[in-house]
Amino acid sequence: MKSAYFLVPILILVLVIASCQIKSKKSTEMLKYKMGKTISVPEPSGLDLTYDNKGFWTVSDETSTIYKLDGEGNVVSTIKVNGDDLEGITVVNDSTLAVVLERTRDVVLLNTSGTEIKRKNLGLKGKPNSGLEGITYIPENGHFFVVNEKKPSLLLELDPQLEIIGIDTLKFSRDVSAIFYDKRNKCLWILSDENQLVVKTDMHGKPLEKIDISVVQPEGITIDPDGKKLYIVSDNKNALYVYDFNDE
């Protein structure tokens, strides 16, 4: 009888492990690679659709420049930003963008003509090249979510005045390199450069799905409004990649 009781927790553990493996397998099948294209942006980092969803915004940490791309990934205009090591970008409205600077830990709001509106230093400490990597905007309340790359990897919530109102530590990967808010599903999508990983999380960075990708040095992510396509930019390859979401 004692041996039977001893076997029960083992069986439960086996079932839990099997369940996790099934979920992991399903997660890898969420995305289907469609295409990749080299873009004329040196070391692109950060990605968002334009306000009209007809093109993209990305940034270059090499040139400290914002690039507007058309739907095919061709550069149509540029905006120079005051500061070094420009990383993530997000669209706030039809005339306002927000970007982050990794080394100085600054968040910058500017209009699409290039005029700076506001700059806020978040006061985070750490190695210069392990700072802010991505930013995304939450239109429902005007908040922003920002990710700090590593040592530690952090998810920070900012109010409309760019004050930090929440911090969560992210432990699902060696680093984090980009973030996107999915308003259809009220969740976040976070990239890991070092792990070559897409992670769907709740609003506190708790993983819901993990998806391995073959993109080298992925540093920007966004999803179309219909939730059918996912886009990623590679810093290393200067390329834009398109994935289709598989129907579940």
Protein backbone atom coordinates (compact mmCIF):
# COMPACT_ATOMS: atom_id res chain seq x y z
CA MET A 1 0.00 0.00 0.00
CA LYS A 2 2.86 2.40 0.85
CA SER A 3 4.48 1.79 -2.53
CA ALA A 4 1.19 2.71 -4.24
CA TYR A 5 1.05 6.01 -2.35
CA PHE A 6 4.68 6.62 -3.28
CA LEU A 7 3.89 6.16 -6.98
CA VAL A 8 1.07 8.76 -7.03
CA PRO A 9 3.27 11.90 -6.88
CA ILE A 10 5.64 10.37 -9.44
CA LEU A 11 2.75 9.79 -11.85
CA ILE A 12 1.52 13.35 -11.31
CA LEU A 13 5.02 14.67 -12.03
CA VAL A 14 5.23 12.63 -15.24
CA LEU A 15 1.88 14.00 -16.40
CA VAL A 16 2.93 17.58 -15.67
CA ILE A 17 6.19 17.15 -17.60
CA ALA A 18 4.32 15.60 -20.53
CA SER A 19 1.85 18.47 -20.51
CA CYS A 20 4.67 21.04 -20.59
CA GLN A 21 6.30 19.22 -23.50
CA ILE A 22 3.07 19.23 -25.48
CA LYS A 23 2.61 22.95 -24.85
CA SER A 24 6.20 23.64 -25.89
CA LYS A 25 5.69 21.71 -29.12
CA LYS A 26 2.50 23.61 -29.84
CA SER A 27 4.26 26.93 -29.20
CA THR A 28 6.93 26.21 -31.80
CA GLU A 29 4.16 25.73 -34.35
CA MET A 30 2.49 29.10 -33.66
CA LEU A 31 4.55 30.87 -36.32
CA LYS A 32 5.24 30.03 -39.93
CA TYR A 33 8.16 31.74 -41.64
CA LYS A 34 7.04 33.65 -44.73
CA MET A 35 9.91 35.82 -45.97
CA GLY A 36 12.92 37.94 -45.12
CA LYS A 37 14.29 41.04 -46.80
CA THR A 38 17.45 43.08 -46.39
CA ILE A 39 16.67 46.70 -45.52
CA SER A 40 18.83 49.81 -45.94
CA VAL A 41 19.07 50.44 -42.21
CA PRO A 42 22.41 49.79 -40.46
CA GLU A 43 21.92 47.70 -37.32
CA PRO A 44 18.12 48.10 -37.04
CA SER A 45 16.85 47.84 -33.48
CA GLY A 46 13.20 48.29 -32.53
CA LEU A 47 10.16 48.04 -34.76
CA ASP A 48 6.58 49.28 -34.89
CA LEU A 49 3.96 49.70 -37.56
CA THR A 50 3.21 53.25 -38.68
CA TYR A 51 0.00 54.80 -37.34
CA ASP A 52 -1.85 53.98 -40.58
CA ASN A 53 -0.40 50.42 -40.58
CA LYS A 54 0.98 50.90 -44.10
CA GLY A 55 4.66 50.84 -43.18
CA PHE A 56 7.15 50.58 -40.31
CA TRP A 57 9.25 52.65 -37.97
CA THR A 58 12.65 51.34 -36.88
CA VAL A 59 15.84 52.84 -35.46
CA SER A 60 19.57 52.41 -35.89
CA ASP A 61 21.91 52.35 -32.90
CA GLU A 62 24.80 52.92 -35.31
CA THR A 63 23.50 56.21 -36.76
CA SER A 64 21.15 57.40 -33.95
CA THR A 65 18.49 57.79 -36.62
CA ILE A 66 14.82 56.85 -36.90
CA TYR A 67 13.84 55.30 -40.25
CA LYS A 68 10.36 55.22 -41.75
CA LEU A 69 9.88 52.26 -44.10
CA ASP A 70 7.12 51.51 -46.57
CA GLY A 71 5.24 48.20 -46.52
CA GLU A 72 8.03 46.54 -48.52
CA GLY A 73 10.77 47.68 -46.15
CA ASN A 74 12.12 50.51 -48.31
CA VAL A 75 13.31 53.68 -46.53
CA VAL A 76 11.04 56.65 -47.23
CA SER A 77 12.27 59.17 -44.62
CA THR A 78 14.63 59.59 -41.66
CA ILE A 79 14.75 61.53 -38.37
CA LYS A 80 17.98 62.26 -36.51
CA VAL A 81 17.84 61.88 -32.72
CA ASN A 82 20.09 63.69 -30.27
CA GLY A 83 21.94 60.96 -28.38
CA ASP A 84 23.89 57.72 -28.82
CA ASP A 85 22.89 54.05 -28.90
CA LEU A 86 19.30 54.45 -30.02
CA GLU A 87 17.36 51.21 -29.50
CA GLY A 88 13.56 50.69 -29.30
CA ILE A 89 10.71 52.69 -30.85
CA THR A 90 6.93 52.85 -30.47
CA VAL A 91 4.11 54.86 -32.07
CA VAL A 92 2.09 57.00 -29.64
CA ASN A 93 -0.30 58.62 -32.12
CA ASP A 94 -0.37 59.87 -35.70
CA SER A 95 2.32 62.50 -35.01
CA THR A 96 4.25 61.28 -31.94
CA LEU A 97 6.90 58.62 -31.43
CA ALA A 98 8.82 57.40 -28.37
CA VAL A 99 12.33 55.94 -28.42
CA VAL A 100 14.85 54.72 -25.85
CA LEU A 101 18.60 55.30 -25.59
CA GLU A 102 20.43 52.32 -24.13
CA ARG A 103 23.55 53.80 -22.60
CA THR A 104 22.02 56.91 -20.99
CA ARG A 105 18.75 55.12 -20.01
CA ASP A 106 16.70 57.96 -21.55
CA VAL A 107 13.15 57.80 -22.91
CA VAL A 108 12.52 60.44 -25.59
CA LEU A 109 9.21 61.64 -27.01
CA LEU A 110 9.36 63.46 -30.35
CA ASN A 111 7.05 64.30 -33.20
CA THR A 112 7.32 62.83 -36.66
CA SER A 113 8.97 66.05 -37.87
CA GLY A 114 11.87 65.41 -35.49
CA THR A 115 11.11 67.99 -32.80
CA GLU A 116 11.83 66.67 -29.31
CA ILE A 117 8.84 66.94 -26.95
CA LYS A 118 10.13 65.40 -23.72
CA ARG A 119 13.16 63.51 -22.42
CA LYS A 120 13.26 61.51 -19.20
CA ASN A 121 16.21 59.69 -17.64
CA LEU A 122 15.00 56.59 -15.80
CA GLY A 123 17.91 56.59 -13.37
CA LEU A 124 18.80 52.92 -13.87
CA LYS A 125 22.32 51.74 -13.07
CA GLY A 126 24.41 49.09 -14.84
CA LYS A 127 26.89 48.55 -17.64
CA PRO A 128 26.48 51.02 -20.53
CA ASN A 129 25.68 48.30 -23.08
CA SER A 130 23.19 46.42 -20.88
CA GLY A 131 20.55 49.16 -20.65
CA LEU A 132 17.25 50.03 -22.31
CA GLU A 133 16.42 47.90 -25.35
CA GLY A 134 12.74 48.34 -26.18
CA ILE A 135 9.60 50.38 -25.59
CA THR A 136 5.90 49.94 -26.36
CA TYR A 137 2.84 52.15 -25.84
CA ILE A 138 -0.44 51.21 -24.14
CA PRO A 139 -3.16 53.37 -25.77
CA GLU A 140 -5.84 52.40 -23.25
CA ASN A 141 -4.16 54.32 -20.42
CA GLY A 142 -1.28 56.23 -22.00
CA HIS A 143 1.35 54.15 -20.21
CA PHE A 144 4.57 52.75 -21.63
CA PHE A 145 6.39 49.48 -21.02
CA VAL A 146 10.18 49.49 -21.34
CA VAL A 147 12.63 46.58 -21.16
CA ASN A 148 16.14 46.70 -19.73
CA GLU A 149 18.41 44.23 -21.51
CA LYS A 150 20.19 42.35 -18.68
CA LYS A 151 22.00 42.39 -15.34
CA PRO A 152 19.16 42.49 -14.55
CA SER A 153 16.54 42.02 -17.29
CA LEU A 154 13.64 44.25 -16.29
CA LEU A 155 10.12 45.12 -17.41
CA LEU A 156 9.28 48.69 -16.39
CA GLU A 157 5.88 50.36 -16.53
CA LEU A 158 5.87 54.14 -16.99
CA ASP A 159 2.95 56.53 -16.53
CA PRO A 160 2.16 59.23 -19.16
CA GLN A 161 4.72 61.53 -17.48
CA LEU A 162 7.36 58.79 -17.96
CA GLU A 163 7.66 58.12 -14.23
CA ILE A 164 8.35 54.50 -13.25
CA ILE A 165 5.28 53.02 -11.54
CA GLY A 166 6.11 49.30 -11.73
CA ILE A 167 9.13 47.02 -12.12
CA ASP A 168 9.20 43.26 -12.78
CA THR A 169 12.33 41.13 -13.12
CA LEU A 170 12.40 38.88 -16.20
CA LYS A 171 14.07 35.50 -15.78
CA PHE A 172 12.97 33.50 -18.84
CA SER A 173 16.04 34.28 -20.98
CA ARG A 174 19.64 35.49 -20.82
CA ASP A 175 18.61 38.91 -22.13
CA VAL A 176 15.67 40.83 -23.59
CA SER A 177 15.97 42.88 -26.76
CA ALA A 178 12.53 44.23 -27.75
CA ILE A 179 8.90 44.49 -26.66
CA PHE A 180 5.46 44.94 -28.26
CA TYR A 181 2.01 45.43 -26.70
CA ASP A 182 -0.70 43.27 -28.28
CA LYS A 183 -3.93 45.17 -27.64
CA ARG A 184 -6.09 42.45 -29.22
CA ASN A 185 -5.03 39.94 -26.59
CA LYS A 186 -3.95 42.36 -23.82
CA CYS A 187 -0.49 40.81 -23.56
CA LEU A 188 3.16 41.55 -24.31
CA TRP A 189 5.53 40.01 -26.84
CA ILE A 190 9.18 40.13 -25.80
CA LEU A 191 12.27 39.13 -27.80
CA SER A 192 15.50 37.60 -26.56
CA ASP A 193 18.51 38.22 -28.78
CA GLU A 194 20.83 35.72 -27.07
CA ASN A 195 18.24 32.95 -26.83
CA GLN A 196 16.71 33.64 -30.30
CA LEU A 197 13.32 33.51 -28.64
CA VAL A 198 9.89 35.13 -28.91
CA VAL A 199 8.03 35.12 -25.59
CA LYS A 200 4.35 35.94 -25.17
CA THR A 201 3.79 37.20 -21.61
CA ASP A 202 1.14 38.70 -19.38
CA MET A 203 1.40 42.37 -18.39
CA HIS A 204 3.89 41.55 -15.65
CA GLY A 205 6.25 39.59 -17.89
CA LYS A 206 5.09 36.13 -16.85
CA PRO A 207 5.64 33.78 -19.84
CA LEU A 208 2.53 32.36 -21.54
CA GLU A 209 4.20 30.94 -24.66
CA LYS A 210 7.81 30.57 -25.82
CA ILE A 211 8.68 30.29 -29.51
CA ASP A 212 12.15 29.50 -30.83
CA ILE A 213 13.14 31.44 -33.97
CA SER A 214 16.14 31.18 -36.30
CA VAL A 215 16.61 34.96 -36.68
CA VAL A 216 20.13 36.02 -35.73
CA GLN A 217 20.22 38.92 -33.25
CA PRO A 218 16.47 39.79 -33.29
CA GLU A 219 16.01 43.30 -31.88
CA GLY A 220 12.58 44.54 -32.96
CA ILE A 221 9.09 43.04 -32.99
CA THR A 222 5.57 44.08 -33.96
CA ILE A 223 2.29 42.43 -34.98
CA ASP A 224 -0.31 43.56 -37.51
CA PRO A 225 -3.69 44.79 -36.16
CA ASP A 226 -5.50 41.64 -37.30
CA GLY A 227 -3.08 39.42 -35.39
CA LYS A 228 -2.15 37.45 -38.52
CA LYS A 229 1.44 38.53 -39.12
CA LEU A 230 4.47 39.02 -36.88
CA TYR A 231 7.44 41.11 -37.99
CA ILE A 232 11.00 41.01 -36.63
CA VAL A 233 14.13 42.98 -37.50
CA SER A 234 17.64 41.57 -37.20
CA ASP A 235 20.43 43.87 -36.07
CA ASN A 236 23.09 41.50 -37.37
CA LYS A 237 21.58 40.87 -40.81
CA ASN A 238 20.03 44.32 -41.45
CA ALA A 239 16.85 42.48 -42.38
CA LEU A 240 13.08 42.46 -41.87
CA TYR A 241 11.43 39.06 -41.38
CA VAL A 242 7.76 38.22 -41.77
CA TYR A 243 5.96 35.35 -40.02
CA ASP A 244 2.35 34.18 -40.32
CA PHE A 245 0.47 33.07 -37.24
CA ASN A 246 -0.82 29.53 -37.75
CA ASP A 247 -4.51 29.02 -37.02
CA GLU A 248 -4.97 27.09 -33.81
